[in-house]
Amino acid sequence: MKSIITGLLIFVSVFNCFGQANSFNDFMSQGISFHDEGKYDEAIGMYKKALELDPKSSVTNYEISLTYFTKQDWAQAIEYGKNVINLNTGNRLEAFVVLGSSYDMLGDTKHAISSYVKGLKEFPQNHLLNYNLALTYYNSGNQEKAEKAVIKAITLKPTHGSSHLLLSAIMNKNGSRVQSLLPLYYFLMIEPMSNRSNQNFQTIKSKLGFGVEQKDEKNINVNLLMSKGTDSEFGAADMMISLTAASKYLEENKGKSEFELFSESNKSLFTILGELKGKNNGFWWDFYVTIFYDLVNSNNVEAFSYYISQSEKSDLINKWITDNSAKIQSLTNWIEKKHFR
């Protein structure tokens, strides 16, 4: 997994000038059209004609850099990205992201990190710079710095799904089950039906059932694997996950559907985390735990559980959602009230 430029394919308006302005604007407009059509060489040709008319145009240098990045010519993307930085007139934020990402794609971790850090000195509140910095740290094995940077990205823009996925991956590598689960729940709340939803939904189900195995009708093995490191705060919740997973084999639960049990597991997890919150503080408790405990108190856990299960494309899920439109509307109102979209 390499650094990506999420959301940077933005239109940069070209201001009208006198004299050669019409030709400049025409070249830029044609370049943007070619880029959007996937004709990257033609786009670069148009941009370079515009650059001949205005060699100090930061927007033109940036568009060339971005197009080279898109066609995976990392070295050229770096060259023109540096031009933007050296001109110091505009498009610097975008250029720092292109530079860092290009270096990262070349495997030059040192310069990738340096580019992001320099960018953050100018734009400390930009979530993409923080996210890409975190991703580079993660890929280079520096989990501590990766966690710090991606938490900053989430704080700046909670609706950036990739940041939650990265934080989950970091905590999974740290052996922290509860902390790897919470970002996945949040991700599916904002992306229940994207092309990457089902894989992460399956991961949640796998983690909820991990360590529990039914040997026969009378014997169930439960391995209580306590999470490592800072996740010791979540020890009680971790134990509860395993015990809840084992309870599905009890006689009283045999008539329940998979999704009913999934909903009950979620409610148990979010409830115990909320009850533990009074003894703890920090990002995990103030952000994820507060949100999901509020979900319990708003009586929306059941609807939430079906809502984040939609990528299963199950007739049972679809029927429940259709038959419980009032509950789904209540959940939707809660999500909108909390500004999760």
C-alpha atoms as a PDB file:
ATOM      1  CA  MET A   1       0.000   0.000   0.000  1.00  0.00           C
ATOM      2  CA  LYS A   2       1.529   3.249  -1.116  1.00  0.00           C
ATOM      3  CA  SER A   3       0.658   6.869  -0.575  1.00  0.00           C
ATOM      4  CA  ILE A   4      -2.323   8.076  -2.526  1.00  0.00           C
ATOM      5  CA  ILE A   5      -3.689  11.477  -3.440  1.00  0.00           C
ATOM      6  CA  THR A   6      -7.290  11.215  -2.286  1.00  0.00           C
ATOM      7  CA  GLY A   7      -9.401  14.147  -3.351  1.00  0.00           C
ATOM      8  CA  LEU A   8      -6.663  16.101  -5.088  1.00  0.00           C
ATOM      9  CA  LEU A   9      -8.105  15.828  -8.581  1.00  0.00           C
ATOM     10  CA  ILE A  10      -9.693  19.220  -8.157  1.00  0.00           C
ATOM     11  CA  PHE A  11     -10.364  21.851 -10.742  1.00  0.00           C
ATOM     12  CA  VAL A  12      -8.072  24.824 -10.444  1.00  0.00           C
ATOM     13  CA  SER A  13      -9.585  27.911 -12.021  1.00  0.00           C
ATOM     14  CA  VAL A  14      -7.429  29.912 -14.404  1.00  0.00           C
ATOM     15  CA  PHE A  15      -7.876  33.638 -14.113  1.00  0.00           C
ATOM     16  CA  ASN A  16      -8.338  35.783 -17.184  1.00  0.00           C
ATOM     17  CA  CYS A  17      -5.427  38.021 -18.098  1.00  0.00           C
ATOM     18  CA  PHE A  18      -4.681  40.469 -20.897  1.00  0.00           C
ATOM     19  CA  GLY A  19      -2.616  39.965 -24.040  1.00  0.00           C
ATOM     20  CA  GLN A  20      -1.840  36.275 -24.300  1.00  0.00           C
ATOM     21  CA  ALA A  21      -4.487  35.293 -21.746  1.00  0.00           C
ATOM     22  CA  ASN A  22      -6.903  33.722 -24.211  1.00  0.00           C
ATOM     23  CA  SER A  23      -4.265  31.379 -25.631  1.00  0.00           C
ATOM     24  CA  PHE A  24      -3.070  30.506 -22.131  1.00  0.00           C
ATOM     25  CA  ASN A  25      -6.590  29.765 -20.956  1.00  0.00           C
ATOM     26  CA  ASP A  26      -7.333  27.738 -24.072  1.00  0.00           C
ATOM     27  CA  PHE A  27      -4.260  25.567 -23.542  1.00  0.00           C
ATOM     28  CA  MET A  28      -5.121  25.048 -19.886  1.00  0.00           C
ATOM     29  CA  SER A  29      -8.739  24.211 -20.668  1.00  0.00           C
ATOM     30  CA  GLN A  30      -7.725  21.703 -23.321  1.00  0.00           C
ATOM     31  CA  GLY A  31      -5.156  20.198 -20.968  1.00  0.00           C
ATOM     32  CA  ILE A  32      -7.750  19.683 -18.244  1.00  0.00           C
ATOM     33  CA  SER A  33     -10.151  18.111 -20.750  1.00  0.00           C
ATOM     34  CA  PHE A  34      -7.472  15.728 -22.010  1.00  0.00           C
ATOM     35  CA  HIS A  35      -6.560  14.783 -18.430  1.00  0.00           C
ATOM     36  CA  ASP A  36     -10.195  14.037 -17.586  1.00  0.00           C
ATOM     37  CA  GLU A  37     -10.403  11.821 -20.678  1.00  0.00           C
ATOM     38  CA  GLY A  38      -7.314   9.892 -19.626  1.00  0.00           C
ATOM     39  CA  LYS A  39      -5.223  11.321 -22.479  1.00  0.00           C
ATOM     40  CA  TYR A  40      -2.306  12.251 -20.268  1.00  0.00           C
ATOM     41  CA  ASP A  41       0.385  12.838 -22.903  1.00  0.00           C
ATOM     42  CA  GLU A  42      -1.929  15.169 -24.804  1.00  0.00           C
ATOM     43  CA  ALA A  43      -2.770  16.968 -21.563  1.00  0.00           C
ATOM     44  CA  ILE A  44       0.898  17.495 -20.761  1.00  0.00           C
ATOM     45  CA  GLY A  45       1.467  18.823 -24.278  1.00  0.00           C
ATOM     46  CA  MET A  46      -1.229  21.457 -23.783  1.00  0.00           C
ATOM     47  CA  TYR A  47       0.053  22.406 -20.338  1.00  0.00           C
ATOM     48  CA  LYS A  48       3.582  22.846 -21.660  1.00  0.00           C
ATOM     49  CA  LYS A  49       2.292  25.178 -24.371  1.00  0.00           C
ATOM     50  CA  ALA A  50       0.631  27.216 -21.638  1.00  0.00           C
ATOM     51  CA  LEU A  51       3.881  27.125 -19.673  1.00  0.00           C
ATOM     52  CA  GLU A  52       5.727  28.649 -22.644  1.00  0.00           C
ATOM     53  CA  LEU A  53       3.389  31.628 -22.359  1.00  0.00           C
ATOM     54  CA  ASP A  54       3.722  31.878 -18.580  1.00  0.00           C
ATOM     55  CA  PRO A  55       6.769  29.969 -17.211  1.00  0.00           C
ATOM     56  CA  LYS A  56       6.007  31.170 -13.680  1.00  0.00           C
ATOM     57  CA  SER A  57       2.466  29.814 -13.559  1.00  0.00           C
ATOM     58  CA  SER A  58       2.164  27.707 -10.410  1.00  0.00           C
ATOM     59  CA  VAL A  59      -1.136  26.199 -11.540  1.00  0.00           C
ATOM     60  CA  THR A  60       0.374  25.008 -14.827  1.00  0.00           C
ATOM     61  CA  ASN A  61       3.379  23.459 -13.112  1.00  0.00           C
ATOM     62  CA  TYR A  62       1.054  21.783 -10.639  1.00  0.00           C
ATOM     63  CA  GLU A  63      -1.233  20.375 -13.350  1.00  0.00           C
ATOM     64  CA  ILE A  64       1.796  18.968 -15.182  1.00  0.00           C
ATOM     65  CA  SER A  65       3.084  17.441 -11.944  1.00  0.00           C
ATOM     66  CA  LEU A  66      -0.302  15.906 -11.166  1.00  0.00           C
ATOM     67  CA  THR A  67      -0.681  14.500 -14.674  1.00  0.00           C
ATOM     68  CA  TYR A  68       2.784  12.955 -14.560  1.00  0.00           C
ATOM     69  CA  PHE A  69       1.856  11.428 -11.196  1.00  0.00           C
ATOM     70  CA  THR A  70      -1.353  10.041 -12.646  1.00  0.00           C
ATOM     71  CA  LYS A  71       0.572   8.405 -15.510  1.00  0.00           C
ATOM     72  CA  GLN A  72       3.034   7.045 -12.922  1.00  0.00           C
ATOM     73  CA  ASP A  73       6.027   9.057 -14.073  1.00  0.00           C
ATOM     74  CA  TRP A  74       7.135   9.823 -10.532  1.00  0.00           C
ATOM     75  CA  ALA A  75      10.436  11.533 -11.428  1.00  0.00           C
ATOM     76  CA  GLN A  76       8.753  14.091 -13.688  1.00  0.00           C
ATOM     77  CA  ALA A  77       6.004  14.610 -11.131  1.00  0.00           C
ATOM     78  CA  ILE A  78       8.698  15.503  -8.605  1.00  0.00           C
ATOM     79  CA  GLU A  79      10.453  17.892 -11.000  1.00  0.00           C
ATOM     80  CA  TYR A  80       7.366  19.951 -11.693  1.00  0.00           C
ATOM     81  CA  GLY A  81       6.151  19.687  -8.120  1.00  0.00           C
ATOM     82  CA  LYS A  82       9.418  21.252  -7.001  1.00  0.00           C
ATOM     83  CA  ASN A  83       8.810  24.061  -9.493  1.00  0.00           C
ATOM     84  CA  VAL A  84       5.550  24.860  -7.708  1.00  0.00           C
ATOM     85  CA  ILE A  85       7.261  24.957  -4.328  1.00  0.00           C
ATOM     86  CA  ASN A  86      10.118  27.124  -5.610  1.00  0.00           C
ATOM     87  CA  LEU A  87       7.748  29.596  -7.284  1.00  0.00           C
ATOM     88  CA  ASN A  88       6.052  30.118  -3.912  1.00  0.00           C
ATOM     89  CA  THR A  89       2.979  31.721  -5.475  1.00  0.00           C
ATOM     90  CA  GLY A  90       0.227  29.139  -5.146  1.00  0.00           C
ATOM     91  CA  ASN A  91      -0.795  25.464  -5.239  1.00  0.00           C
ATOM     92  CA  ARG A  92       1.797  24.626  -2.593  1.00  0.00           C
ATOM     93  CA  LEU A  93      -0.476  22.368  -0.560  1.00  0.00           C
ATOM     94  CA  GLU A  94      -1.303  20.216  -3.579  1.00  0.00           C
ATOM     95  CA  ALA A  95       2.346  20.166  -4.634  1.00  0.00           C
ATOM     96  CA  PHE A  96       3.523  18.895  -1.239  1.00  0.00           C
ATOM     97  CA  VAL A  97       1.081  15.991  -1.481  1.00  0.00           C
ATOM     98  CA  VAL A  98       2.202  15.146  -5.032  1.00  0.00           C
ATOM     99  CA  LEU A  99       5.855  15.367  -4.026  1.00  0.00           C
ATOM    100  CA  GLY A 100       5.482  13.176  -0.971  1.00  0.00           C
ATOM    101  CA  SER A 101       3.395  10.632  -2.830  1.00  0.00           C
ATOM    102  CA  SER A 102       5.820  10.512  -5.768  1.00  0.00           C
ATOM    103  CA  TYR A 103       8.806   9.953  -3.494  1.00  0.00           C
ATOM    104  CA  ASP A 104       6.841   7.269  -1.666  1.00  0.00           C
ATOM    105  CA  MET A 105       6.034   5.485  -4.922  1.00  0.00           C
ATOM    106  CA  LEU A 106       9.746   5.529  -5.750  1.00  0.00           C
ATOM    107  CA  GLY A 107      10.506   3.962  -2.377  1.00  0.00           C
ATOM    108  CA  ASP A 108      12.288   7.089  -1.165  1.00  0.00           C
ATOM    109  CA  THR A 109      10.795   7.145   2.319  1.00  0.00           C
ATOM    110  CA  LYS A 110      13.159   9.803   3.644  1.00  0.00           C
ATOM    111  CA  HIS A 111      12.193  12.423   1.052  1.00  0.00           C
ATOM    112  CA  ALA A 112       8.524  11.441   1.178  1.00  0.00           C
ATOM    113  CA  ILE A 113       8.397  12.097   4.910  1.00  0.00           C
ATOM    114  CA  SER A 114      10.405  15.297   4.488  1.00  0.00           C
ATOM    115  CA  SER A 115       7.918  16.583   1.896  1.00  0.00           C
ATOM    116  CA  TYR A 116       4.917  15.887   4.117  1.00  0.00           C
ATOM    117  CA  VAL A 117       6.583  17.405   7.184  1.00  0.00           C
ATOM    118  CA  LYS A 118       7.473  20.575   5.256  1.00  0.00           C
ATOM    119  CA  GLY A 119       3.929  20.754   3.970  1.00  0.00           C
ATOM    120  CA  LEU A 120       2.506  20.378   7.458  1.00  0.00           C
ATOM    121  CA  LYS A 121       4.573  23.292   8.693  1.00  0.00           C
ATOM    122  CA  GLU A 122       2.594  25.466   6.280  1.00  0.00           C
ATOM    123  CA  PHE A 123      -0.685  23.545   6.366  1.00  0.00           C
ATOM    124  CA  PRO A 124      -0.907  21.829   9.768  1.00  0.00           C
ATOM    125  CA  GLN A 125      -4.683  21.430   9.520  1.00  0.00           C
ATOM    126  CA  ASN A 126      -4.678  19.488   6.255  1.00  0.00           C
ATOM    127  CA  HIS A 127      -5.957  15.944   6.772  1.00  0.00           C
ATOM    128  CA  LEU A 128      -4.456  14.550   3.544  1.00  0.00           C
ATOM    129  CA  LEU A 129      -0.918  15.551   4.470  1.00  0.00           C
ATOM    130  CA  ASN A 130      -1.378  13.947   7.882  1.00  0.00           C
ATOM    131  CA  TYR A 131      -2.915  10.822   6.370  1.00  0.00           C
ATOM    132  CA  ASN A 132      -0.218  10.357   3.736  1.00  0.00           C
ATOM    133  CA  LEU A 133       2.498  10.975   6.315  1.00  0.00           C
ATOM    134  CA  ALA A 134       0.896   8.308   8.515  1.00  0.00           C
ATOM    135  CA  LEU A 135       0.733   5.881   5.594  1.00  0.00           C
ATOM    136  CA  THR A 136       4.414   6.379   4.798  1.00  0.00           C
ATOM    137  CA  TYR A 137       5.353   5.853   8.455  1.00  0.00           C
ATOM    138  CA  TYR A 138       3.202   2.705   8.496  1.00  0.00           C
ATOM    139  CA  ASN A 139       4.833   1.299   5.376  1.00  0.00           C
ATOM    140  CA  SER A 140       8.286   1.994   6.821  1.00  0.00           C
ATOM    141  CA  GLY A 141       7.445   0.201  10.085  1.00  0.00           C
ATOM    142  CA  ASN A 142       7.166   3.222  12.386  1.00  0.00           C
ATOM    143  CA  GLN A 143       3.815   2.337  13.976  1.00  0.00           C
ATOM    144  CA  GLU A 144       4.002   4.891  16.780  1.00  0.00           C
ATOM    145  CA  LYS A 145       4.427   7.890  14.469  1.00  0.00           C
ATOM    146  CA  ALA A 146       1.903   6.432  12.020  1.00  0.00           C
ATOM    147  CA  GLU A 147      -0.723   6.195  14.761  1.00  0.00           C
ATOM    148  CA  LYS A 148      -0.112   9.762  15.902  1.00  0.00           C
ATOM    149  CA  ALA A 149      -0.351  11.200  12.380  1.00  0.00           C
ATOM    150  CA  VAL A 150      -3.479   9.293  11.357  1.00  0.00           C
ATOM    151  CA  ILE A 151      -5.275  10.211  14.590  1.00  0.00           C
ATOM    152  CA  LYS A 152      -4.539  13.834  13.693  1.00  0.00           C
ATOM    153  CA  ALA A 153      -6.010  13.220  10.221  1.00  0.00           C
ATOM    154  CA  ILE A 154      -9.169  11.705  11.731  1.00  0.00           C
ATOM    155  CA  THR A 155      -9.520  14.584  14.159  1.00  0.00           C
ATOM    156  CA  LEU A 156      -9.302  17.042  11.252  1.00  0.00           C
ATOM    157  CA  LYS A 157     -11.713  15.140   8.992  1.00  0.00           C
ATOM    158  CA  PRO A 158     -13.660  12.292  10.628  1.00  0.00           C
ATOM    159  CA  THR A 159     -15.405  11.417   7.343  1.00  0.00           C
ATOM    160  CA  HIS A 160     -12.154  10.432   5.581  1.00  0.00           C
ATOM    161  CA  GLY A 161     -12.719   6.691   5.417  1.00  0.00           C
ATOM    162  CA  SER A 162      -9.151   5.709   4.496  1.00  0.00           C
ATOM    163  CA  SER A 163      -7.834   7.231   7.725  1.00  0.00           C
ATOM    164  CA  HIS A 164     -10.034   4.901   9.791  1.00  0.00           C
ATOM    165  CA  LEU A 165      -8.892   1.908   7.758  1.00  0.00           C
ATOM    166  CA  LEU A 166      -5.254   2.838   8.280  1.00  0.00           C
ATOM    167  CA  LEU A 167      -5.734   3.264  12.031  1.00  0.00           C
ATOM    168  CA  SER A 168      -7.414  -0.141  12.169  1.00  0.00           C
ATOM    169  CA  ALA A 169      -4.476  -1.698  10.298  1.00  0.00           C
ATOM    170  CA  ILE A 170      -2.010  -0.082  12.702  1.00  0.00           C
ATOM    171  CA  MET A 171      -3.837  -1.386  15.756  1.00  0.00           C
ATOM    172  CA  ASN A 172      -4.246  -4.824  14.196  1.00  0.00           C
ATOM    173  CA  LYS A 173      -0.486  -4.993  13.703  1.00  0.00           C
ATOM    174  CA  ASN A 174      -0.116  -3.999  17.353  1.00  0.00           C
ATOM    175  CA  GLY A 175      -2.334  -6.942  18.359  1.00  0.00           C
ATOM    176  CA  SER A 176      -5.081  -4.701  19.712  1.00  0.00           C
ATOM    177  CA  ARG A 177      -8.426  -6.273  18.818  1.00  0.00           C
ATOM    178  CA  VAL A 178     -10.837  -3.712  20.272  1.00  0.00           C
ATOM    179  CA  GLN A 179      -8.870  -0.772  18.908  1.00  0.00           C
ATOM    180  CA  SER A 180      -8.692  -2.379  15.482  1.00  0.00           C
ATOM    181  CA  LEU A 181     -12.482  -2.927  15.504  1.00  0.00           C
ATOM    182  CA  LEU A 182     -13.664   0.562  16.417  1.00  0.00           C
ATOM    183  CA  PRO A 183     -12.281   2.338  13.312  1.00  0.00           C
ATOM    184  CA  LEU A 184     -13.848  -0.368  11.107  1.00  0.00           C
ATOM    185  CA  TYR A 185     -17.282   0.267  12.636  1.00  0.00           C
ATOM    186  CA  TYR A 186     -16.852   3.976  11.976  1.00  0.00           C
ATOM    187  CA  PHE A 187     -15.666   3.358   8.418  1.00  0.00           C
ATOM    188  CA  LEU A 188     -18.748   1.260   7.632  1.00  0.00           C
ATOM    189  CA  MET A 189     -20.970   3.958   9.094  1.00  0.00           C
ATOM    190  CA  ILE A 190     -19.686   6.397   6.466  1.00  0.00           C
ATOM    191  CA  GLU A 191     -19.138   3.823   3.694  1.00  0.00           C
ATOM    192  CA  PRO A 192     -21.679   0.994   4.103  1.00  0.00           C
ATOM    193  CA  MET A 193     -21.852   0.156   0.401  1.00  0.00           C
ATOM    194  CA  SER A 194     -18.575   1.179  -1.288  1.00  0.00           C
ATOM    195  CA  ASN A 195     -16.352  -1.251  -3.183  1.00  0.00           C
ATOM    196  CA  ARG A 196     -14.248  -1.775  -0.049  1.00  0.00           C
ATOM    197  CA  SER A 197     -17.098  -2.165   2.443  1.00  0.00           C
ATOM    198  CA  ASN A 198     -17.677  -5.918   2.369  1.00  0.00           C
ATOM    199  CA  GLN A 199     -14.045  -6.844   2.954  1.00  0.00           C
ATOM    200  CA  ASN A 200     -13.986  -4.716   6.096  1.00  0.00           C
ATOM    201  CA  PHE A 201     -17.384  -5.977   7.208  1.00  0.00           C
ATOM    202  CA  GLN A 202     -16.047  -9.528   6.982  1.00  0.00           C
ATOM    203  CA  THR A 203     -13.032  -8.457   9.041  1.00  0.00           C
ATOM    204  CA  ILE A 204     -15.328  -7.224  11.810  1.00  0.00           C
ATOM    205  CA  LYS A 205     -17.223 -10.508  11.879  1.00  0.00           C
ATOM    206  CA  SER A 206     -13.982 -12.469  11.921  1.00  0.00           C
ATOM    207  CA  LYS A 207     -12.579 -10.452  14.808  1.00  0.00           C
ATOM    208  CA  LEU A 208     -15.795 -10.796  16.820  1.00  0.00           C
ATOM    209  CA  GLY A 209     -15.636 -14.573  16.530  1.00  0.00           C
ATOM    210  CA  PHE A 210     -11.886 -15.021  16.827  1.00  0.00           C
ATOM    211  CA  GLY A 211     -10.734 -17.548  19.430  1.00  0.00           C
ATOM    212  CA  VAL A 212     -14.131 -19.264  19.755  1.00  0.00           C
ATOM    213  CA  GLU A 213     -14.697 -22.773  18.396  1.00  0.00           C
ATOM    214  CA  GLN A 214     -17.481 -25.285  18.951  1.00  0.00           C
ATOM    215  CA  LYS A 215     -15.980 -28.767  19.301  1.00  0.00           C
ATOM    216  CA  ASP A 216     -19.329 -30.540  19.636  1.00  0.00           C
ATOM    217  CA  GLU A 217     -22.790 -29.894  21.076  1.00  0.00           C
ATOM    218  CA  LYS A 218     -21.496 -29.799  24.641  1.00  0.00           C
ATOM    219  CA  ASN A 219     -18.023 -28.336  24.264  1.00  0.00           C
ATOM    220  CA  ILE A 220     -17.028 -24.832  23.195  1.00  0.00           C
ATOM    221  CA  ASN A 221     -13.418 -23.672  23.255  1.00  0.00           C
ATOM    222  CA  VAL A 222     -12.866 -20.024  24.167  1.00  0.00           C
ATOM    223  CA  ASN A 223      -9.346 -18.628  23.974  1.00  0.00           C
ATOM    224  CA  LEU A 224      -9.215 -15.359  25.875  1.00  0.00           C
ATOM    225  CA  LEU A 225      -6.362 -13.613  24.106  1.00  0.00           C
ATOM    226  CA  MET A 226      -5.722 -10.375  25.936  1.00  0.00           C
ATOM    227  CA  SER A 227      -4.727  -7.508  23.707  1.00  0.00           C
ATOM    228  CA  LYS A 228      -1.242  -6.112  23.846  1.00  0.00           C
ATOM    229  CA  GLY A 229       0.229  -2.762  24.809  1.00  0.00           C
ATOM    230  CA  THR A 230      -2.028   0.234  25.352  1.00  0.00           C
ATOM    231  CA  ASP A 231      -5.067  -1.935  24.656  1.00  0.00           C
ATOM    232  CA  SER A 232      -4.901  -3.201  28.263  1.00  0.00           C
ATOM    233  CA  GLU A 233      -7.470  -0.478  28.978  1.00  0.00           C
ATOM    234  CA  PHE A 234      -9.820  -2.460  26.771  1.00  0.00           C
ATOM    235  CA  GLY A 235      -9.194  -5.812  28.462  1.00  0.00           C
ATOM    236  CA  ALA A 236     -12.718  -6.181  29.859  1.00  0.00           C
ATOM    237  CA  ALA A 237     -14.240  -5.372  26.475  1.00  0.00           C
ATOM    238  CA  ASP A 238     -11.898  -7.831  24.779  1.00  0.00           C
ATOM    239  CA  MET A 239     -12.969 -10.602  27.145  1.00  0.00           C
ATOM    240  CA  MET A 240     -16.626  -9.734  26.635  1.00  0.00           C
ATOM    241  CA  ILE A 241     -16.241 -10.097  22.840  1.00  0.00           C
ATOM    242  CA  SER A 242     -15.066 -13.690  23.229  1.00  0.00           C
ATOM    243  CA  LEU A 243     -17.751 -14.589  25.776  1.00  0.00           C
ATOM    244  CA  THR A 244     -20.465 -13.058  23.596  1.00  0.00           C
ATOM    245  CA  ALA A 245     -19.193 -15.023  20.597  1.00  0.00           C
ATOM    246  CA  ALA A 246     -19.384 -18.227  22.639  1.00  0.00           C
ATOM    247  CA  SER A 247     -22.923 -17.467  23.810  1.00  0.00           C
ATOM    248  CA  LYS A 248     -24.314 -17.855  20.284  1.00  0.00           C
ATOM    249  CA  TYR A 249     -23.986 -21.619  20.762  1.00  0.00           C
ATOM    250  CA  LEU A 250     -26.261 -21.570  23.816  1.00  0.00           C
ATOM    251  CA  GLU A 251     -29.704 -23.127  23.489  1.00  0.00           C
ATOM    252  CA  GLU A 252     -31.414 -19.762  24.064  1.00  0.00           C
ATOM    253  CA  ASN A 253     -29.717 -18.276  21.006  1.00  0.00           C
ATOM    254  CA  LYS A 254     -30.074 -21.142  18.524  1.00  0.00           C
ATOM    255  CA  GLY A 255     -33.195 -19.692  16.912  1.00  0.00           C
ATOM    256  CA  LYS A 256     -31.645 -16.278  16.256  1.00  0.00           C
ATOM    257  CA  SER A 257     -30.336 -15.214  12.868  1.00  0.00           C
ATOM    258  CA  GLU A 258     -26.704 -14.326  12.251  1.00  0.00           C
ATOM    259  CA  PHE A 259     -27.623 -10.653  12.038  1.00  0.00           C
ATOM    260  CA  GLU A 260     -29.626 -10.679  15.278  1.00  0.00           C
ATOM    261  CA  LEU A 261     -26.580 -12.092  17.030  1.00  0.00           C
ATOM    262  CA  PHE A 262     -24.352  -9.542  15.299  1.00  0.00           C
ATOM    263  CA  SER A 263     -26.554  -6.717  16.574  1.00  0.00           C
ATOM    264  CA  GLU A 264     -26.499  -8.078  20.121  1.00  0.00           C
ATOM    265  CA  SER A 265     -22.703  -8.423  20.007  1.00  0.00           C
ATOM    266  CA  ASN A 266     -22.358  -4.809  18.922  1.00  0.00           C
ATOM    267  CA  LYS A 267     -24.660  -3.581  21.664  1.00  0.00           C
ATOM    268  CA  SER A 268     -22.735  -5.546  24.304  1.00  0.00           C
ATOM    269  CA  LEU A 269     -19.389  -4.210  23.077  1.00  0.00           C
ATOM    270  CA  PHE A 270     -20.496  -0.579  22.860  1.00  0.00           C
ATOM    271  CA  THR A 271     -22.225  -0.773  26.228  1.00  0.00           C
ATOM    272  CA  ILE A 272     -19.266  -2.140  28.171  1.00  0.00           C
ATOM    273  CA  LEU A 273     -16.965   0.387  26.506  1.00  0.00           C
ATOM    274  CA  GLY A 274     -19.308   3.182  27.556  1.00  0.00           C
ATOM    275  CA  GLU A 275     -19.353   1.892  31.112  1.00  0.00           C
ATOM    276  CA  LEU A 276     -15.549   1.768  31.165  1.00  0.00           C
ATOM    277  CA  LYS A 277     -15.218   5.283  29.787  1.00  0.00           C
ATOM    278  CA  GLY A 278     -15.566   6.954  33.169  1.00  0.00           C
ATOM    279  CA  LYS A 279     -12.198   5.532  34.201  1.00  0.00           C
ATOM    280  CA  ASN A 280     -10.391   6.439  30.996  1.00  0.00           C
ATOM    281  CA  ASN A 281      -9.793   9.353  28.647  1.00  0.00           C
ATOM    282  CA  GLY A 282      -7.932  10.222  25.459  1.00  0.00           C
ATOM    283  CA  PHE A 283      -8.681   9.943  21.758  1.00  0.00           C
ATOM    284  CA  TRP A 284     -10.113   6.431  21.768  1.00  0.00           C
ATOM    285  CA  TRP A 285     -12.502   7.112  24.638  1.00  0.00           C
ATOM    286  CA  ASP A 286     -13.412  10.664  23.678  1.00  0.00           C
ATOM    287  CA  PHE A 287     -13.947   9.900  19.996  1.00  0.00           C
ATOM    288  CA  TYR A 288     -14.929   6.300  19.172  1.00  0.00           C
ATOM    289  CA  VAL A 289     -16.277   5.144  22.536  1.00  0.00           C
ATOM    290  CA  THR A 290     -18.306   8.317  23.076  1.00  0.00           C
ATOM    291  CA  ILE A 291     -19.883   7.974  19.631  1.00  0.00           C
ATOM    292  CA  PHE A 292     -20.793   4.303  19.917  1.00  0.00           C
ATOM    293  CA  TYR A 293     -22.047   4.559  23.490  1.00  0.00           C
ATOM    294  CA  ASP A 294     -24.287   7.397  22.346  1.00  0.00           C
ATOM    295  CA  LEU A 295     -25.493   5.021  19.626  1.00  0.00           C
ATOM    296  CA  VAL A 296     -26.577   2.612  22.377  1.00  0.00           C
ATOM    297  CA  ASN A 297     -28.301   5.309  24.394  1.00  0.00           C
ATOM    298  CA  SER A 298     -30.150   6.536  21.294  1.00  0.00           C
ATOM    299  CA  ASN A 299     -31.517   3.004  20.737  1.00  0.00           C
ATOM    300  CA  ASN A 300     -30.033   2.876  17.248  1.00  0.00           C
ATOM    301  CA  VAL A 301     -27.620  -0.067  17.570  1.00  0.00           C
ATOM    302  CA  GLU A 302     -29.945  -2.554  15.901  1.00  0.00           C
ATOM    303  CA  ALA A 303     -30.517  -0.314  12.882  1.00  0.00           C
ATOM    304  CA  PHE A 304     -26.802   0.503  12.791  1.00  0.00           C
ATOM    305  CA  SER A 305     -25.921  -3.195  12.708  1.00  0.00           C
ATOM    306  CA  TYR A 306     -28.129  -3.840   9.695  1.00  0.00           C
ATOM    307  CA  TYR A 307     -27.063  -0.576   8.055  1.00  0.00           C
ATOM    308  CA  ILE A 308     -23.360  -1.493   8.101  1.00  0.00           C
ATOM    309  CA  SER A 309     -24.197  -5.031   6.895  1.00  0.00           C
ATOM    310  CA  GLN A 310     -25.654  -3.900   3.577  1.00  0.00           C
ATOM    311  CA  SER A 311     -22.585  -4.929   1.577  1.00  0.00           C
ATOM    312  CA  GLU A 312     -23.584  -8.557   2.286  1.00  0.00           C
ATOM    313  CA  LYS A 313     -26.419  -7.999  -0.209  1.00  0.00           C
ATOM    314  CA  SER A 314     -28.545 -10.398   1.797  1.00  0.00           C
ATOM    315  CA  ASP A 315     -32.288 -10.691   1.214  1.00  0.00           C
ATOM    316  CA  LEU A 316     -32.721 -10.916   4.988  1.00  0.00           C
ATOM    317  CA  ILE A 317     -30.911  -7.604   5.527  1.00  0.00           C
ATOM    318  CA  ASN A 318     -32.770  -5.886   2.711  1.00  0.00           C
ATOM    319  CA  LYS A 319     -36.105  -7.100   4.065  1.00  0.00           C
ATOM    320  CA  TRP A 320     -35.283  -5.916   7.588  1.00  0.00           C
ATOM    321  CA  ILE A 321     -34.325  -2.476   6.296  1.00  0.00           C
ATOM    322  CA  THR A 322     -37.526  -2.269   4.228  1.00  0.00           C
ATOM    323  CA  ASP A 323     -39.719  -3.462   7.098  1.00  0.00           C
ATOM    324  CA  ASN A 324     -38.064  -1.135   9.623  1.00  0.00           C
ATOM    325  CA  SER A 325     -37.931   2.152   7.732  1.00  0.00           C
ATOM    326  CA  ALA A 326     -38.743   4.125  10.892  1.00  0.00           C
ATOM    327  CA  LYS A 327     -35.705   2.658  12.691  1.00  0.00           C
ATOM    328  CA  ILE A 328     -33.480   3.367   9.685  1.00  0.00           C
ATOM    329  CA  GLN A 329     -34.785   6.934   9.560  1.00  0.00           C
ATOM    330  CA  SER A 330     -34.017   7.346  13.266  1.00  0.00           C
ATOM    331  CA  LEU A 331     -30.462   6.133  12.637  1.00  0.00           C
ATOM    332  CA  THR A 332     -30.103   8.442   9.634  1.00  0.00           C
ATOM    333  CA  ASN A 333     -31.253  11.393  11.725  1.00  0.00           C
ATOM    334  CA  TRP A 334     -28.730  10.464  14.418  1.00  0.00           C
ATOM    335  CA  ILE A 335     -25.910  10.226  11.858  1.00  0.00           C
ATOM    336  CA  GLU A 336     -26.800  13.605  10.342  1.00  0.00           C
ATOM    337  CA  LYS A 337     -27.106  15.212  13.771  1.00  0.00           C
ATOM    338  CA  LYS A 338     -23.611  13.987  14.654  1.00  0.00           C
ATOM    339  CA  HIS A 339     -22.252  15.339  11.340  1.00  0.00           C
ATOM    340  CA  PHE A 340     -20.799  12.002  10.298  1.00  0.00           C
ATOM    341  CA  ARG A 341     -21.565  12.720   6.657  1.00  0.00           C
END
